Amino acid sequence: MPKPQDDPLLRPEEVAPLLNVARGTLYRWRHHGEGPTSIRVGGGVRYRKSDVDAYIVKQAETTARGDDV
């Protein structure tokens, strides 16, 4: 696991454009236990950059369509 200083915490408004979704979608995913892993820091929701990256990789692996489709 990266050291905290090497793995920045992102706010929902920073993550939403990375995933091309609305900020509200991130909150809905969080409520339903979906999307990238999020944590509470103080009074706000944050996402580790590494968790967002891992979510993108997982989505690419599980939703990729083969050449024969």
N, C-alpha and C. Protein backbone atom coordinates (compact mmCIF):
# COMPACT_ATOMS: atom_id res chain seq x y z
N MET A 1 0.85 -1.18 0.00
CA MET A 1 0.00 0.00 0.00
C MET A 1 0.89 1.24 0.00
N PRO A 2 0.56 2.22 -0.83
CA PRO A 2 1.37 3.44 -0.86
C PRO A 2 1.31 4.19 0.47
N LYS A 3 2.36 4.92 0.75
CA LYS A 3 2.37 5.78 1.94
C LYS A 3 1.34 6.88 1.75
N PRO A 4 0.71 7.36 2.84
CA PRO A 4 -0.31 8.39 2.70
C PRO A 4 0.13 9.61 1.89
N GLN A 5 1.36 10.04 2.06
CA GLN A 5 1.82 11.22 1.32
C GLN A 5 1.98 10.94 -0.18
N ASP A 6 2.06 9.65 -0.55
CA ASP A 6 2.19 9.28 -1.95
C ASP A 6 0.85 8.91 -2.58
N ASP A 7 -0.21 8.91 -1.79
CA ASP A 7 -1.54 8.51 -2.24
C ASP A 7 -2.54 9.59 -1.84
N PRO A 8 -2.66 10.62 -2.66
CA PRO A 8 -3.51 11.75 -2.25
C PRO A 8 -4.97 11.37 -2.07
N LEU A 9 -5.61 12.10 -1.17
CA LEU A 9 -7.04 11.96 -0.96
C LEU A 9 -7.76 12.95 -1.86
N LEU A 10 -8.73 12.46 -2.60
CA LEU A 10 -9.47 13.29 -3.54
C LEU A 10 -10.88 13.53 -3.04
N ARG A 11 -11.37 14.72 -3.29
CA ARG A 11 -12.75 15.07 -2.96
C ARG A 11 -13.67 14.54 -4.05
N PRO A 12 -14.95 14.31 -3.73
CA PRO A 12 -15.88 13.82 -4.75
C PRO A 12 -15.89 14.66 -6.02
N GLU A 13 -15.77 15.98 -5.88
CA GLU A 13 -15.78 16.84 -7.07
C GLU A 13 -14.53 16.66 -7.93
N GLU A 14 -13.49 16.05 -7.37
CA GLU A 14 -12.30 15.73 -8.16
C GLU A 14 -12.41 14.35 -8.81
N VAL A 15 -13.13 13.45 -8.14
CA VAL A 15 -13.26 12.08 -8.64
C VAL A 15 -14.30 11.99 -9.75
N ALA A 16 -15.39 12.71 -9.61
CA ALA A 16 -16.49 12.62 -10.58
C ALA A 16 -16.02 12.81 -12.02
N PRO A 17 -15.23 13.84 -12.33
CA PRO A 17 -14.78 13.99 -13.72
C PRO A 17 -13.84 12.87 -14.18
N LEU A 18 -13.08 12.29 -13.26
CA LEU A 18 -12.19 11.19 -13.62
C LEU A 18 -12.99 9.98 -14.10
N LEU A 19 -14.18 9.81 -13.53
CA LEU A 19 -15.03 8.67 -13.88
C LEU A 19 -16.14 9.06 -14.85
N ASN A 20 -16.18 10.34 -15.20
CA ASN A 20 -17.20 10.85 -16.12
C ASN A 20 -18.60 10.59 -15.59
N VAL A 21 -18.80 10.86 -14.30
CA VAL A 21 -20.11 10.73 -13.66
C VAL A 21 -20.38 11.99 -12.85
N ALA A 22 -21.64 12.19 -12.50
CA ALA A 22 -22.01 13.31 -11.65
C ALA A 22 -21.59 13.03 -10.21
N ARG A 23 -21.38 14.08 -9.47
CA ARG A 23 -21.01 13.94 -8.06
C ARG A 23 -22.09 13.18 -7.30
N GLY A 24 -23.35 13.42 -7.66
CA GLY A 24 -24.46 12.70 -7.02
C GLY A 24 -24.39 11.20 -7.25
N THR A 25 -23.86 10.81 -8.39
CA THR A 25 -23.69 9.37 -8.67
C THR A 25 -22.71 8.76 -7.69
N LEU A 26 -21.64 9.47 -7.37
CA LEU A 26 -20.69 8.97 -6.38
C LEU A 26 -21.35 8.77 -5.03
N TYR A 27 -22.19 9.71 -4.62
CA TYR A 27 -22.88 9.59 -3.34
C TYR A 27 -23.86 8.42 -3.36
N ARG A 28 -24.55 8.22 -4.48
CA ARG A 28 -25.49 7.10 -4.60
C ARG A 28 -24.72 5.78 -4.55
N TRP A 29 -23.59 5.71 -5.27
CA TRP A 29 -22.78 4.49 -5.23
C TRP A 29 -22.32 4.21 -3.81
N ARG A 30 -21.87 5.25 -3.11
CA ARG A 30 -21.41 5.07 -1.74
C ARG A 30 -22.53 4.52 -0.86
N HIS A 31 -23.72 5.05 -1.02
CA HIS A 31 -24.88 4.62 -0.24
C HIS A 31 -25.19 3.14 -0.50
N HIS A 32 -24.99 2.68 -1.72
CA HIS A 32 -25.31 1.30 -2.11
C HIS A 32 -24.11 0.37 -2.06
N GLY A 33 -22.96 0.87 -1.60
CA GLY A 33 -21.77 0.04 -1.49
C GLY A 33 -21.14 -0.27 -2.84
N GLU A 34 -21.29 0.63 -3.79
CA GLU A 34 -20.74 0.45 -5.13
C GLU A 34 -19.66 1.50 -5.38
N GLY A 35 -19.07 1.45 -6.56
CA GLY A 35 -18.08 2.46 -6.93
C GLY A 35 -16.76 2.27 -6.21
N PRO A 36 -15.87 3.24 -6.38
CA PRO A 36 -14.56 3.14 -5.71
C PRO A 36 -14.72 3.26 -4.19
N THR A 37 -13.81 2.63 -3.48
CA THR A 37 -13.81 2.69 -2.02
C THR A 37 -13.64 4.13 -1.57
N SER A 38 -14.46 4.53 -0.62
CA SER A 38 -14.38 5.89 -0.08
C SER A 38 -14.21 5.81 1.43
N ILE A 39 -13.70 6.90 1.99
CA ILE A 39 -13.51 6.98 3.43
C ILE A 39 -14.01 8.32 3.92
N ARG A 40 -14.30 8.38 5.20
CA ARG A 40 -14.67 9.65 5.82
C ARG A 40 -13.45 10.22 6.51
N VAL A 41 -13.18 11.47 6.23
CA VAL A 41 -12.09 12.19 6.88
C VAL A 41 -12.72 13.46 7.42
N GLY A 42 -12.71 13.58 8.73
CA GLY A 42 -13.40 14.73 9.33
C GLY A 42 -14.88 14.64 8.97
N GLY A 43 -15.41 15.67 8.39
CA GLY A 43 -16.81 15.67 8.02
C GLY A 43 -17.06 15.38 6.56
N GLY A 44 -16.01 15.03 5.81
CA GLY A 44 -16.18 14.85 4.38
C GLY A 44 -15.79 13.48 3.87
N VAL A 45 -16.29 13.17 2.69
CA VAL A 45 -15.97 11.92 2.02
C VAL A 45 -14.73 12.16 1.15
N ARG A 46 -13.80 11.21 1.19
CA ARG A 46 -12.60 11.30 0.37
C ARG A 46 -12.35 9.95 -0.29
N TYR A 47 -11.61 10.01 -1.38
CA TYR A 47 -11.24 8.81 -2.13
C TYR A 47 -9.73 8.80 -2.29
N ARG A 48 -9.11 7.67 -1.94
CA ARG A 48 -7.68 7.55 -2.21
C ARG A 48 -7.50 7.44 -3.72
N LYS A 49 -6.49 8.12 -4.24
CA LYS A 49 -6.23 8.06 -5.68
C LYS A 49 -6.01 6.63 -6.13
N SER A 50 -5.32 5.84 -5.32
CA SER A 50 -5.06 4.44 -5.68
C SER A 50 -6.35 3.62 -5.75
N ASP A 51 -7.34 3.94 -4.90
CA ASP A 51 -8.62 3.23 -4.94
C ASP A 51 -9.41 3.59 -6.20
N VAL A 52 -9.34 4.85 -6.60
CA VAL A 52 -10.00 5.27 -7.84
C VAL A 52 -9.35 4.59 -9.03
N ASP A 53 -8.02 4.56 -9.05
CA ASP A 53 -7.30 3.89 -10.14
C ASP A 53 -7.65 2.41 -10.19
N ALA A 54 -7.70 1.75 -9.03
CA ALA A 54 -8.03 0.33 -8.97
C ALA A 54 -9.45 0.08 -9.46
N TYR A 55 -10.36 0.97 -9.13
CA TYR A 55 -11.75 0.84 -9.60
C TYR A 55 -11.80 0.92 -11.12
N ILE A 56 -11.06 1.85 -11.70
CA ILE A 56 -11.04 1.99 -13.16
C ILE A 56 -10.50 0.72 -13.80
N VAL A 57 -9.43 0.17 -13.26
CA VAL A 57 -8.84 -1.06 -13.80
C VAL A 57 -9.84 -2.20 -13.69
N LYS A 58 -10.49 -2.32 -12.53
CA LYS A 58 -11.48 -3.39 -12.34
C LYS A 58 -12.63 -3.26 -13.33
N GLN A 59 -13.10 -2.06 -13.56
CA GLN A 59 -14.17 -1.85 -14.51
C GLN A 59 -13.73 -2.24 -15.92
N ALA A 60 -12.51 -1.90 -16.26
CA ALA A 60 -11.99 -2.25 -17.59
C ALA A 60 -11.92 -3.77 -17.75
N GLU A 61 -11.55 -4.47 -16.69
CA GLU A 61 -11.43 -5.92 -16.75
C GLU A 61 -12.79 -6.60 -16.81
N THR A 62 -13.76 -6.08 -16.07
CA THR A 62 -15.06 -6.75 -15.97
C THR A 62 -16.06 -6.33 -17.01
N THR A 63 -15.82 -5.22 -17.68
CA THR A 63 -16.79 -4.75 -18.67
C THR A 63 -16.26 -4.74 -20.09
N ALA A 64 -14.99 -5.09 -20.27
CA ALA A 64 -14.41 -5.09 -21.61
C ALA A 64 -15.09 -6.13 -22.49
N ARG A 65 -15.33 -5.75 -23.71
CA ARG A 65 -15.94 -6.67 -24.65
C ARG A 65 -14.85 -7.25 -25.54
N GLY A 66 -14.96 -8.52 -25.80
CA GLY A 66 -13.99 -9.20 -26.64
C GLY A 66 -14.17 -8.84 -28.11
N ASP A 67 -13.20 -9.20 -28.91
CA ASP A 67 -13.24 -8.92 -30.34
C ASP A 67 -14.37 -9.66 -31.04
N ASP A 68 -14.83 -10.78 -30.45
CA ASP A 68 -15.85 -11.58 -31.12
C ASP A 68 -17.27 -11.11 -30.82
N VAL A 69 -17.42 -10.00 -30.11
CA VAL A 69 -18.76 -9.50 -29.76
C VAL A 69 -19.23 -8.51 -30.80
